[in-house]
Amino acid sequence: MPRLKAVAIDLSQTEREQLQQLVKRHRTPQQLAKRARIILMAEEGQSNHEIARQLHVTRDTVRLWRRRWASDESLNLSPEERLSDLERPGAPAKFSLEQVTQLYALACDPPEKYGRPISHWSAKDLAEEMVEQEIVDSISQRHVGRLLEEAELKPHQTRYWLHPPQTHSLKPKSKISAMSTL
């Protein structure tokens, strides 16, 4: 089975210096420093196997960064930008941070404040109230429950933790009764 030839890396003096600075800088994230080392070692002519062994990464990782470095050459990006992660796929967030914060504030308020004849909030009631107040167009009670769980909020216990029950203070013992027990 024929071996694939590693992508050749040719660095300019400026690129080499910038990569070396990335490696030496203390505040460089270790991911970027390791990727910079891969490129520097590749330019020295080391094989993917040698680089992977020395840096304790897989050969696939070395191949990926060599290929990505070579393909980004024409984009005029800084070495740090070329070694950064690409955007990950996925749908954008449906609710803004402000909307989620409003949910948390709503969950911490008593339901009576909003004219609801209930003693505590449920996920369904919170979802309905958010739509009523036009905070969101629509939201499922299940999503409300997940958001509250992530924030470790339990609106059904707000009365307990916002207004702890009064404790009855013990009367201090008088000196005479304390002495009589000795």
N, C-alpha and C. Protein backbone atom coordinates (compact mmCIF):
# COMPACT_ATOMS: atom_id res chain seq x y z
N MET A 1 0.85 -1.18 0.00
CA MET A 1 0.00 0.00 0.00
C MET A 1 0.90 1.24 0.00
N PRO A 2 0.72 2.14 -0.95
CA PRO A 2 1.58 3.31 -1.02
C PRO A 2 1.31 4.27 0.12
N ARG A 3 2.38 4.89 0.60
CA ARG A 3 2.25 5.88 1.68
C ARG A 3 1.92 7.24 1.09
N LEU A 4 1.11 7.97 1.80
CA LEU A 4 0.78 9.33 1.38
C LEU A 4 1.94 10.25 1.75
N LYS A 5 2.29 11.12 0.86
CA LYS A 5 3.36 12.05 1.12
C LYS A 5 2.82 13.21 1.96
N ALA A 6 3.57 13.57 3.00
CA ALA A 6 3.15 14.67 3.87
C ALA A 6 3.17 15.98 3.11
N VAL A 7 2.26 16.86 3.46
CA VAL A 7 2.18 18.17 2.84
C VAL A 7 3.43 18.97 3.24
N ALA A 8 4.11 19.50 2.26
CA ALA A 8 5.32 20.28 2.52
C ALA A 8 4.94 21.66 3.07
N ILE A 9 5.70 22.09 4.05
CA ILE A 9 5.46 23.39 4.68
C ILE A 9 6.67 24.28 4.40
N ASP A 10 6.41 25.44 3.87
CA ASP A 10 7.45 26.44 3.60
C ASP A 10 7.06 27.71 4.32
N LEU A 11 7.86 28.13 5.28
CA LEU A 11 7.53 29.32 6.07
C LEU A 11 8.43 30.48 5.67
N SER A 12 7.86 31.66 5.71
CA SER A 12 8.68 32.87 5.55
C SER A 12 9.36 33.13 6.89
N GLN A 13 10.35 33.99 6.87
CA GLN A 13 11.06 34.32 8.12
C GLN A 13 10.09 34.92 9.13
N THR A 14 9.18 35.77 8.67
CA THR A 14 8.20 36.40 9.56
C THR A 14 7.28 35.37 10.18
N GLU A 15 6.77 34.45 9.36
CA GLU A 15 5.88 33.41 9.88
C GLU A 15 6.59 32.54 10.92
N ARG A 16 7.84 32.18 10.62
CA ARG A 16 8.61 31.36 11.55
C ARG A 16 8.77 32.07 12.89
N GLU A 17 9.10 33.36 12.85
CA GLU A 17 9.28 34.13 14.09
C GLU A 17 7.97 34.24 14.86
N GLN A 18 6.87 34.47 14.14
CA GLN A 18 5.57 34.58 14.81
C GLN A 18 5.17 33.25 15.46
N LEU A 19 5.44 32.15 14.76
CA LEU A 19 5.12 30.83 15.34
C LEU A 19 5.99 30.56 16.56
N GLN A 20 7.26 30.91 16.49
CA GLN A 20 8.15 30.72 17.65
C GLN A 20 7.71 31.57 18.82
N GLN A 21 7.23 32.78 18.55
CA GLN A 21 6.72 33.63 19.63
C GLN A 21 5.46 33.01 20.26
N LEU A 22 4.61 32.43 19.43
CA LEU A 22 3.42 31.76 19.95
C LEU A 22 3.81 30.63 20.90
N VAL A 23 4.82 29.87 20.51
CA VAL A 23 5.26 28.74 21.32
C VAL A 23 5.86 29.21 22.64
N LYS A 24 6.63 30.30 22.61
CA LYS A 24 7.34 30.77 23.80
C LYS A 24 6.48 31.60 24.75
N ARG A 25 5.45 32.23 24.21
CA ARG A 25 4.62 33.12 25.02
C ARG A 25 3.88 32.33 26.10
N HIS A 26 3.89 32.81 27.32
CA HIS A 26 3.26 32.11 28.44
C HIS A 26 1.74 32.13 28.38
N ARG A 27 1.18 33.16 27.77
CA ARG A 27 -0.27 33.26 27.75
C ARG A 27 -0.92 32.63 26.52
N THR A 28 -0.13 32.01 25.68
CA THR A 28 -0.68 31.33 24.51
C THR A 28 -1.42 30.07 24.97
N PRO A 29 -2.64 29.88 24.51
CA PRO A 29 -3.34 28.64 24.85
C PRO A 29 -2.52 27.43 24.35
N GLN A 30 -2.48 26.38 25.14
CA GLN A 30 -1.65 25.22 24.82
C GLN A 30 -2.02 24.58 23.50
N GLN A 31 -3.28 24.64 23.14
CA GLN A 31 -3.72 24.11 21.85
C GLN A 31 -3.00 24.80 20.71
N LEU A 32 -2.96 26.14 20.76
CA LEU A 32 -2.30 26.91 19.71
C LEU A 32 -0.80 26.67 19.70
N ALA A 33 -0.21 26.58 20.90
CA ALA A 33 1.24 26.34 20.99
C ALA A 33 1.59 24.99 20.37
N LYS A 34 0.79 23.99 20.63
CA LYS A 34 1.06 22.65 20.08
C LYS A 34 0.93 22.67 18.56
N ARG A 35 -0.07 23.35 18.06
CA ARG A 35 -0.27 23.45 16.62
C ARG A 35 0.89 24.20 15.96
N ALA A 36 1.37 25.24 16.63
CA ALA A 36 2.52 25.99 16.11
C ALA A 36 3.76 25.09 16.08
N ARG A 37 3.94 24.27 17.10
CA ARG A 37 5.07 23.32 17.12
C ARG A 37 4.96 22.34 15.95
N ILE A 38 3.76 21.87 15.68
CA ILE A 38 3.55 20.95 14.55
C ILE A 38 4.04 21.59 13.26
N ILE A 39 3.65 22.84 13.03
CA ILE A 39 4.03 23.52 11.79
C ILE A 39 5.53 23.76 11.74
N LEU A 40 6.12 24.17 12.86
CA LEU A 40 7.57 24.40 12.90
C LEU A 40 8.34 23.11 12.63
N MET A 41 7.91 22.02 13.24
CA MET A 41 8.59 20.74 13.05
C MET A 41 8.39 20.23 11.61
N ALA A 42 7.22 20.48 11.05
CA ALA A 42 6.94 20.07 9.68
C ALA A 42 7.84 20.82 8.71
N GLU A 43 8.08 22.09 9.01
CA GLU A 43 8.94 22.87 8.13
C GLU A 43 10.38 22.37 8.18
N GLU A 44 10.77 21.83 9.33
CA GLU A 44 12.12 21.28 9.46
C GLU A 44 12.28 19.98 8.68
N GLY A 45 11.17 19.46 8.17
CA GLY A 45 11.23 18.25 7.36
C GLY A 45 10.92 16.97 8.11
N GLN A 46 10.44 17.07 9.34
CA GLN A 46 10.12 15.87 10.11
C GLN A 46 8.84 15.24 9.55
N SER A 47 8.76 13.94 9.66
CA SER A 47 7.59 13.22 9.17
C SER A 47 6.42 13.36 10.15
N ASN A 48 5.23 13.04 9.66
CA ASN A 48 4.04 13.09 10.52
C ASN A 48 4.20 12.17 11.72
N HIS A 49 4.78 11.00 11.48
CA HIS A 49 4.97 10.03 12.55
C HIS A 49 5.91 10.58 13.63
N GLU A 50 7.02 11.18 13.23
CA GLU A 50 7.98 11.73 14.20
C GLU A 50 7.35 12.86 15.01
N ILE A 51 6.64 13.75 14.32
CA ILE A 51 5.99 14.88 15.01
C ILE A 51 4.95 14.37 16.00
N ALA A 52 4.14 13.42 15.56
CA ALA A 52 3.09 12.87 16.43
C ALA A 52 3.70 12.22 17.67
N ARG A 53 4.78 11.48 17.48
CA ARG A 53 5.43 10.80 18.60
C ARG A 53 6.01 11.81 19.58
N GLN A 54 6.68 12.84 19.09
CA GLN A 54 7.32 13.81 19.97
C GLN A 54 6.32 14.70 20.71
N LEU A 55 5.22 15.02 20.06
CA LEU A 55 4.24 15.92 20.67
C LEU A 55 3.07 15.19 21.34
N HIS A 56 3.09 13.86 21.28
CA HIS A 56 2.04 13.04 21.91
C HIS A 56 0.66 13.37 21.36
N VAL A 57 0.58 13.42 20.02
CA VAL A 57 -0.70 13.60 19.33
C VAL A 57 -0.80 12.50 18.28
N THR A 58 -1.94 12.39 17.64
CA THR A 58 -2.10 11.38 16.60
C THR A 58 -1.56 11.90 15.27
N ARG A 59 -1.25 10.96 14.37
CA ARG A 59 -0.79 11.36 13.04
C ARG A 59 -1.89 12.11 12.29
N ASP A 60 -3.13 11.74 12.57
CA ASP A 60 -4.26 12.45 11.93
C ASP A 60 -4.26 13.93 12.32
N THR A 61 -3.93 14.21 13.58
CA THR A 61 -3.86 15.60 14.04
C THR A 61 -2.77 16.35 13.29
N VAL A 62 -1.62 15.72 13.16
CA VAL A 62 -0.51 16.35 12.45
C VAL A 62 -0.90 16.60 11.00
N ARG A 63 -1.49 15.59 10.36
CA ARG A 63 -1.94 15.73 8.96
C ARG A 63 -2.94 16.88 8.82
N LEU A 64 -3.90 16.93 9.72
CA LEU A 64 -4.92 17.97 9.67
C LEU A 64 -4.30 19.36 9.69
N TRP A 65 -3.38 19.61 10.63
CA TRP A 65 -2.82 20.95 10.76
C TRP A 65 -1.85 21.29 9.65
N ARG A 66 -1.15 20.28 9.14
CA ARG A 66 -0.29 20.54 7.98
C ARG A 66 -1.14 20.95 6.78
N ARG A 67 -2.21 20.19 6.53
CA ARG A 67 -3.09 20.49 5.40
C ARG A 67 -3.77 21.85 5.56
N ARG A 68 -4.26 22.10 6.77
CA ARG A 68 -4.96 23.37 6.99
C ARG A 68 -4.00 24.55 6.83
N TRP A 69 -2.76 24.40 7.32
CA TRP A 69 -1.78 25.48 7.19
C TRP A 69 -1.51 25.76 5.70
N ALA A 70 -1.34 24.71 4.94
CA ALA A 70 -1.05 24.86 3.51
C ALA A 70 -2.24 25.46 2.76
N SER A 71 -3.45 25.07 3.12
CA SER A 71 -4.63 25.57 2.40
C SER A 71 -4.96 27.01 2.75
N ASP A 72 -4.58 27.47 3.94
CA ASP A 72 -4.88 28.85 4.37
C ASP A 72 -3.81 29.84 3.94
N GLU A 73 -2.82 29.38 3.21
CA GLU A 73 -1.68 30.22 2.85
C GLU A 73 -2.08 31.48 2.09
N SER A 74 -3.05 31.37 1.22
CA SER A 74 -3.43 32.50 0.37
C SER A 74 -4.42 33.46 1.03
N LEU A 75 -4.84 33.18 2.26
CA LEU A 75 -5.89 33.99 2.89
C LEU A 75 -5.37 35.22 3.63
N ASN A 76 -4.07 35.40 3.73
CA ASN A 76 -3.47 36.54 4.44
C ASN A 76 -3.95 36.65 5.89
N LEU A 77 -3.94 35.55 6.59
CA LEU A 77 -4.31 35.53 8.00
C LEU A 77 -3.04 35.46 8.84
N SER A 78 -3.12 35.92 10.09
CA SER A 78 -1.98 35.79 10.99
C SER A 78 -1.84 34.32 11.36
N PRO A 79 -0.63 33.90 11.78
CA PRO A 79 -0.46 32.50 12.19
C PRO A 79 -1.43 32.09 13.30
N GLU A 80 -1.73 32.99 14.21
CA GLU A 80 -2.67 32.66 15.29
C GLU A 80 -4.06 32.39 14.73
N GLU A 81 -4.48 33.17 13.76
CA GLU A 81 -5.79 32.96 13.13
C GLU A 81 -5.80 31.67 12.32
N ARG A 82 -4.69 31.35 11.69
CA ARG A 82 -4.62 30.13 10.88
C ARG A 82 -4.65 28.88 11.75
N LEU A 83 -4.19 28.99 12.98
CA LEU A 83 -4.15 27.83 13.87
C LEU A 83 -5.36 27.74 14.79
N SER A 84 -6.26 28.70 14.69
CA SER A 84 -7.46 28.68 15.54
C SER A 84 -8.47 27.69 14.99
N ASP A 85 -9.37 27.26 15.88
CA ASP A 85 -10.43 26.35 15.48
C ASP A 85 -11.39 27.04 14.52
N LEU A 86 -11.95 26.27 13.63
CA LEU A 86 -12.96 26.78 12.71
C LEU A 86 -14.30 26.85 13.44
N GLU A 87 -15.23 27.62 12.88
CA GLU A 87 -16.58 27.67 13.44
C GLU A 87 -17.19 26.27 13.41
N ARG A 88 -17.86 25.93 14.47
CA ARG A 88 -18.50 24.63 14.53
C ARG A 88 -19.91 24.72 13.98
N PRO A 89 -20.38 23.64 13.35
CA PRO A 89 -21.74 23.68 12.79
C PRO A 89 -22.79 23.62 13.89
N GLY A 90 -23.96 24.00 13.55
CA GLY A 90 -25.06 23.92 14.50
C GLY A 90 -25.98 25.11 14.34
N ALA A 91 -27.16 24.96 14.85
CA ALA A 91 -28.14 26.04 14.75
C ALA A 91 -27.78 27.14 15.73
N PRO A 92 -28.04 28.38 15.38
CA PRO A 92 -27.79 29.47 16.32
C PRO A 92 -28.76 29.38 17.50
N ALA A 93 -28.38 29.97 18.59
CA ALA A 93 -29.23 29.94 19.78
C ALA A 93 -30.57 30.62 19.47
N LYS A 94 -31.65 30.03 19.94
CA LYS A 94 -32.97 30.57 19.64
C LYS A 94 -33.33 31.73 20.56
N PHE A 95 -32.79 31.70 21.78
CA PHE A 95 -33.11 32.74 22.76
C PHE A 95 -31.84 33.49 23.14
N SER A 96 -31.97 34.80 23.25
CA SER A 96 -30.82 35.63 23.61
C SER A 96 -30.54 35.49 25.10
N LEU A 97 -29.37 35.94 25.47
CA LEU A 97 -28.98 35.90 26.88
C LEU A 97 -29.92 36.78 27.71
N GLU A 98 -30.36 37.87 27.13
CA GLU A 98 -31.29 38.77 27.82
C GLU A 98 -32.62 38.06 28.10
N GLN A 99 -33.12 37.30 27.14
CA GLN A 99 -34.38 36.58 27.33
C GLN A 99 -34.24 35.51 28.42
N VAL A 100 -33.12 34.83 28.42
CA VAL A 100 -32.89 33.80 29.43
C VAL A 100 -32.78 34.45 30.81
N THR A 101 -32.11 35.59 30.88
CA THR A 101 -31.99 36.31 32.15
C THR A 101 -33.36 36.77 32.65
N GLN A 102 -34.21 37.19 31.73
CA GLN A 102 -35.57 37.58 32.12
C GLN A 102 -36.35 36.39 32.65
N LEU A 103 -36.11 35.22 32.09
CA LEU A 103 -36.75 34.01 32.61
C LEU A 103 -36.31 33.77 34.05
N TYR A 104 -35.01 33.89 34.31
CA TYR A 104 -34.50 33.67 35.67
C TYR A 104 -35.10 34.68 36.64
N ALA A 105 -35.20 35.94 36.22
CA ALA A 105 -35.77 36.97 37.08
C ALA A 105 -37.24 36.66 37.36
N LEU A 106 -37.96 36.23 36.34
CA LEU A 106 -39.36 35.87 36.48
C LEU A 106 -39.52 34.70 37.44
N ALA A 107 -38.65 33.72 37.34
CA ALA A 107 -38.73 32.53 38.19
C ALA A 107 -38.46 32.87 39.66
N CYS A 108 -37.70 33.93 39.89
CA CYS A 108 -37.38 34.31 41.27
C CYS A 108 -38.44 35.22 41.90
N ASP A 109 -39.35 35.74 41.09
CA ASP A 109 -40.45 36.56 41.62
C ASP A 109 -41.63 35.67 42.00
N PRO A 110 -42.40 36.10 42.99
CA PRO A 110 -43.59 35.32 43.34
C PRO A 110 -44.65 35.42 42.24
N PRO A 111 -45.36 34.34 41.96
CA PRO A 111 -46.39 34.35 40.90
C PRO A 111 -47.50 35.36 41.16
N GLU A 112 -47.78 35.66 42.43
CA GLU A 112 -48.84 36.62 42.77
C GLU A 112 -48.56 37.99 42.16
N LYS A 113 -47.29 38.32 42.00
CA LYS A 113 -46.89 39.61 41.45
C LYS A 113 -47.40 39.78 40.00
N TYR A 114 -47.65 38.67 39.34
CA TYR A 114 -48.11 38.69 37.95
C TYR A 114 -49.58 38.28 37.84
N GLY A 115 -50.27 38.30 38.96
CA GLY A 115 -51.70 38.01 38.95
C GLY A 115 -52.02 36.53 38.75
N ARG A 116 -51.11 35.68 39.11
CA ARG A 116 -51.35 34.23 38.98
C ARG A 116 -51.76 33.66 40.33
N PRO A 117 -52.87 32.95 40.38
CA PRO A 117 -53.36 32.40 41.66
C PRO A 117 -52.69 31.07 42.01
N ILE A 118 -51.39 31.05 41.97
CA ILE A 118 -50.65 29.82 42.30
C ILE A 118 -49.62 30.15 43.37
N SER A 119 -49.20 29.13 44.09
CA SER A 119 -48.24 29.36 45.17
C SER A 119 -46.80 29.36 44.68
N HIS A 120 -46.53 28.63 43.60
CA HIS A 120 -45.16 28.61 43.07
C HIS A 120 -45.20 28.37 41.56
N TRP A 121 -44.10 28.72 40.90
CA TRP A 121 -44.02 28.60 39.45
C TRP A 121 -43.79 27.16 39.02
N SER A 122 -44.42 26.78 37.95
CA SER A 122 -44.08 25.53 37.26
C SER A 122 -43.47 25.94 35.92
N ALA A 123 -42.83 25.01 35.25
CA ALA A 123 -42.23 25.32 33.95
C ALA A 123 -43.31 25.77 32.96
N LYS A 124 -44.48 25.14 33.04
CA LYS A 124 -45.58 25.50 32.14
C LYS A 124 -46.04 26.93 32.40
N ASP A 125 -46.21 27.29 33.68
CA ASP A 125 -46.65 28.64 34.02
C ASP A 125 -45.62 29.68 33.59
N LEU A 126 -44.33 29.38 33.77
CA LEU A 126 -43.28 30.31 33.37
C LEU A 126 -43.28 30.51 31.85
N ALA A 127 -43.45 29.41 31.11
CA ALA A 127 -43.49 29.50 29.65
C ALA A 127 -44.67 30.37 29.21
N GLU A 128 -45.84 30.17 29.82
CA GLU A 128 -47.02 30.97 29.47
C GLU A 128 -46.80 32.44 29.80
N GLU A 129 -46.19 32.70 30.95
CA GLU A 129 -45.97 34.09 31.38
C GLU A 129 -44.96 34.80 30.47
N MET A 130 -43.95 34.08 30.02
CA MET A 130 -42.96 34.68 29.11
C MET A 130 -43.61 35.08 27.79
N VAL A 131 -44.51 34.25 27.30
CA VAL A 131 -45.21 34.57 26.05
C VAL A 131 -46.18 35.73 26.29
N GLU A 132 -46.88 35.70 27.43
CA GLU A 132 -47.82 36.77 27.77
C GLU A 132 -47.13 38.12 27.85
N GLN A 133 -45.94 38.14 28.45
CA GLN A 133 -45.19 39.39 28.61
C GLN A 133 -44.42 39.75 27.34
N GLU A 134 -44.54 38.92 26.32
CA GLU A 134 -43.87 39.12 25.03
C GLU A 134 -42.36 39.16 25.16
N ILE A 135 -41.84 38.38 26.09
CA ILE A 135 -40.39 38.21 26.21
C ILE A 135 -39.90 37.34 25.05
N VAL A 136 -40.70 36.32 24.72
CA VAL A 136 -40.43 35.44 23.58
C VAL A 136 -41.73 35.23 22.81
N ASP A 137 -41.58 34.81 21.54
CA ASP A 137 -42.78 34.50 20.75
C ASP A 137 -43.39 33.19 21.21
N SER A 138 -42.51 32.20 21.43
CA SER A 138 -42.97 30.91 21.94
C SER A 138 -41.79 30.19 22.59
N ILE A 139 -42.10 29.38 23.57
CA ILE A 139 -41.09 28.57 24.26
C ILE A 139 -41.81 27.40 24.89
N SER A 140 -41.20 26.24 24.83
CA SER A 140 -41.85 25.07 25.41
C SER A 140 -41.55 25.00 26.91
N GLN A 141 -42.46 24.39 27.61
CA GLN A 141 -42.25 24.24 29.05
C GLN A 141 -41.03 23.36 29.31
N ARG A 142 -40.77 22.45 28.41
CA ARG A 142 -39.62 21.58 28.56
C ARG A 142 -38.31 22.36 28.46
N HIS A 143 -38.26 23.31 27.51
CA HIS A 143 -37.06 24.13 27.37
C HIS A 143 -36.88 25.04 28.59
N VAL A 144 -37.97 25.57 29.11
CA VAL A 144 -37.92 26.37 30.33
C VAL A 144 -37.33 25.52 31.46
N GLY A 145 -37.80 24.28 31.57
CA GLY A 145 -37.30 23.38 32.60
C GLY A 145 -35.80 23.13 32.46
N ARG A 146 -35.34 22.95 31.21
CA ARG A 146 -33.90 22.73 30.98
C ARG A 146 -33.08 23.95 31.36
N LEU A 147 -33.57 25.13 30.98
CA LEU A 147 -32.84 26.37 31.31
C LEU A 147 -32.76 26.57 32.83
N LEU A 148 -33.85 26.27 33.52
CA LEU A 148 -33.85 26.41 34.98
C LEU A 148 -32.91 25.39 35.62
N GLU A 149 -32.90 24.19 35.06
CA GLU A 149 -32.02 23.15 35.60
C GLU A 149 -30.55 23.51 35.40
N GLU A 150 -30.21 24.06 34.24
CA GLU A 150 -28.83 24.49 33.97
C GLU A 150 -28.39 25.54 34.98
N ALA A 151 -29.30 26.44 35.34
CA ALA A 151 -28.98 27.51 36.28
C ALA A 151 -29.16 27.07 37.73
N GLU A 152 -29.58 25.83 37.91
CA GLU A 152 -29.84 25.28 39.24
C GLU A 152 -30.87 26.11 40.01
N LEU A 153 -31.88 26.60 39.27
CA LEU A 153 -32.98 27.34 39.89
C LEU A 153 -34.15 26.39 40.10
N LYS A 154 -34.76 26.50 41.26
CA LYS A 154 -35.91 25.66 41.58
C LYS A 154 -37.03 26.58 42.07
N PRO A 155 -37.81 27.10 41.13
CA PRO A 155 -38.83 28.08 41.52
C PRO A 155 -39.86 27.54 42.49
N HIS A 156 -40.07 26.24 42.50
CA HIS A 156 -41.02 25.68 43.45
C HIS A 156 -40.48 25.75 44.88
N GLN A 157 -39.19 26.07 45.03
CA GLN A 157 -38.61 26.20 46.37
C GLN A 157 -38.27 27.64 46.71
N THR A 158 -38.65 28.59 45.89
CA THR A 158 -38.25 29.98 46.12
C THR A 158 -38.74 30.49 47.46
N ARG A 159 -39.93 30.13 47.80
CA ARG A 159 -40.46 30.60 49.08
C ARG A 159 -39.59 30.11 50.22
N TYR A 160 -39.08 28.94 50.08
CA TYR A 160 -38.26 28.37 51.14
C TYR A 160 -36.92 29.09 51.22
N TRP A 161 -36.26 29.28 50.07
CA TRP A 161 -34.93 29.87 50.18
C TRP A 161 -34.93 31.39 50.18
N LEU A 162 -36.00 32.02 49.68
CA LEU A 162 -36.07 33.47 49.75
C LEU A 162 -36.59 33.93 51.11
N HIS A 163 -37.45 33.14 51.69
CA HIS A 163 -38.06 33.49 52.97
C HIS A 163 -37.97 32.29 53.91
N PRO A 164 -36.81 32.09 54.54
CA PRO A 164 -36.67 30.93 55.41
C PRO A 164 -37.66 31.01 56.58
N PRO A 165 -38.10 29.86 57.06
CA PRO A 165 -39.05 29.88 58.18
C PRO A 165 -38.39 30.49 59.42
N GLN A 166 -39.21 31.17 60.20
CA GLN A 166 -38.68 31.79 61.41
C GLN A 166 -38.32 30.70 62.41
N THR A 167 -37.20 30.90 63.04
CA THR A 167 -36.79 29.95 64.08
C THR A 167 -37.18 30.54 65.42
N HIS A 168 -37.57 29.68 66.30
CA HIS A 168 -37.93 30.13 67.64
C HIS A 168 -36.66 30.20 68.47
N SER A 169 -36.41 31.38 69.01
CA SER A 169 -35.18 31.52 69.79
C SER A 169 -35.40 30.90 71.17
N LEU A 170 -34.38 30.27 71.64
CA LEU A 170 -34.45 29.66 72.96
C LEU A 170 -34.22 30.73 74.01
N LYS A 171 -34.94 30.64 75.09
CA LYS A 171 -34.75 31.60 76.17
C LYS A 171 -33.44 31.28 76.86
N PRO A 172 -32.64 32.29 77.15
CA PRO A 172 -31.38 32.00 77.85
C PRO A 172 -31.67 31.51 79.27
N LYS A 173 -30.88 30.55 79.68
CA LYS A 173 -31.08 30.03 81.02
C LYS A 173 -30.63 31.03 82.05
N SER A 174 -31.35 31.08 83.11
CA SER A 174 -30.92 31.99 84.18
C SER A 174 -29.79 31.34 84.92
N LYS A 175 -29.01 32.15 85.62
CA LYS A 175 -27.83 31.64 86.32
C LYS A 175 -28.23 30.65 87.41
N ILE A 176 -29.36 30.88 88.03
CA ILE A 176 -29.79 30.01 89.13
C ILE A 176 -30.14 28.63 88.60
N SER A 177 -30.90 28.57 87.53
CA SER A 177 -31.29 27.27 87.00
C SER A 177 -30.09 26.54 86.42
N ALA A 178 -29.11 27.28 85.90
CA ALA A 178 -27.90 26.65 85.37
C ALA A 178 -27.09 26.06 86.50
N MET A 179 -27.07 26.73 87.66
CA MET A 179 -26.28 26.24 88.81
C MET A 179 -26.95 25.04 89.45
N SER A 180 -28.26 25.01 89.44
CA SER A 180 -28.98 23.92 90.08
C SER A 180 -28.77 22.60 89.34
N THR A 181 -28.45 22.70 88.05
CA THR A 181 -28.25 21.47 87.29
C THR A 181 -26.87 20.88 87.56
N LEU A 182 -25.96 21.62 88.21
CA LEU A 182 -24.63 21.09 88.48
C LEU A 182 -24.65 20.22 89.65
